[in-house]
Amino acid sequence: MKNCIYKDLEAARLKNEYRLSIIKGVKNLSRSDLDTVELYAQTIEKSGSYFGLMEPRGNVAEVLNKYGYLSEKTHPLSGNFYR
């Protein structure tokens, strides 16, 4: 299911170059939001977390949550819980 996020992001980019997009019911996503969602998704897939990036908020966090990217995890070195 996580791989379809990239297909949905690409479809939204192709459909609306300059307008706001909707993905999985989350409205008012700008082109910058789509790029930010992709950055977070790639980072979480590579390292298992978004450690080193700001906590995602707003529409970006909603999209990542709907695709299952945001959940409580532990840091590999410290063992502390984070989102």
Protein backbone atom coordinates (compact mmCIF):
# COMPACT_ATOMS: atom_id res chain seq x y z
CA MET A 1 0.00 0.00 0.00
CA LYS A 2 2.87 2.38 0.71
CA ASN A 3 4.16 2.15 -2.85
CA CYS A 4 0.93 3.57 -4.24
CA ILE A 5 1.68 6.90 -2.53
CA TYR A 6 4.18 7.66 -5.30
CA LYS A 7 1.62 6.83 -8.00
CA ASP A 8 -0.97 9.04 -6.32
CA LEU A 9 1.52 11.90 -5.93
CA GLU A 10 2.55 11.69 -9.57
CA ALA A 11 -1.07 11.57 -10.73
CA ALA A 12 -1.88 14.65 -8.63
CA ARG A 13 1.11 16.49 -10.07
CA LEU A 14 0.17 15.65 -13.65
CA LYS A 15 -3.51 16.46 -13.16
CA ASN A 16 -3.07 19.84 -11.49
CA GLU A 17 0.18 21.60 -12.22
CA TYR A 18 -0.79 24.89 -10.57
CA ARG A 19 -4.00 24.18 -8.62
CA LEU A 20 -4.53 22.60 -5.25
CA SER A 21 -4.83 18.80 -5.20
CA ILE A 22 -6.77 16.21 -3.22
CA ILE A 23 -5.24 12.89 -2.13
CA LYS A 24 -7.18 10.32 -0.07
CA GLY A 25 -9.69 12.96 1.00
CA VAL A 26 -7.07 15.47 2.17
CA LYS A 27 -7.87 18.74 0.40
CA ASN A 28 -5.86 21.86 -0.40
CA LEU A 29 -2.51 20.20 -1.09
CA SER A 30 -0.17 22.54 -2.94
CA ARG A 31 2.62 21.42 -5.21
CA SER A 32 5.04 22.11 -2.36
CA ASP A 33 2.96 19.88 -0.06
CA LEU A 34 3.16 17.05 -2.60
CA ASP A 35 6.94 17.39 -2.77
CA THR A 36 7.16 17.47 1.03
CA VAL A 37 5.02 14.32 1.35
CA GLU A 38 7.34 12.57 -1.09
CA LEU A 39 10.43 13.69 0.86
CA TYR A 40 9.01 12.37 4.13
CA ALA A 41 7.88 9.09 2.54
CA GLN A 42 11.32 8.47 1.05
CA THR A 43 13.08 9.36 4.30
CA ILE A 44 10.82 7.10 6.37
CA GLU A 45 11.30 4.21 3.93
CA LYS A 46 15.09 4.56 3.95
CA SER A 47 15.72 5.11 7.65
CA GLY A 48 12.53 3.89 9.30
CA SER A 49 11.69 7.33 10.69
CA TYR A 50 11.76 11.00 9.84
CA PHE A 51 14.54 11.54 12.40
CA GLY A 52 16.46 14.67 11.44
CA LEU A 53 13.44 16.36 9.85
CA MET A 54 10.80 18.50 11.49
CA GLU A 55 7.66 16.78 12.70
CA PRO A 56 5.20 16.82 9.78
CA ARG A 57 2.10 18.91 10.43
CA GLY A 58 -1.16 19.86 8.80
CA ASN A 59 -2.13 18.36 5.47
CA VAL A 60 1.27 16.72 5.01
CA ALA A 61 0.87 14.79 8.27
CA GLU A 62 -2.69 13.80 7.33
CA VAL A 63 -1.57 12.31 4.00
CA LEU A 64 1.33 10.44 5.60
CA ASN A 65 -1.02 9.14 8.29
CA LYS A 66 -3.53 7.87 5.73
CA TYR A 67 -0.79 5.89 3.98
CA GLY A 68 0.50 4.47 7.27
CA TYR A 69 3.85 6.24 7.39
CA LEU A 70 3.35 7.90 10.78
CA SER A 71 3.30 5.57 13.74
CA GLU A 72 5.17 5.25 17.00
CA LYS A 73 8.62 3.79 16.50
CA THR A 74 11.83 3.56 18.50
CA HIS A 75 15.09 5.22 17.60
CA PRO A 76 17.68 2.53 16.74
CA LEU A 77 20.40 4.00 18.98
CA SER A 78 18.60 5.48 21.97
CA GLY A 79 15.51 3.28 22.07
CA ASN A 80 13.32 6.30 22.76
CA PHE A 81 9.81 6.36 21.32
CA TYR A 82 8.96 8.98 18.76
CA ARG A 83 6.35 9.48 16.05
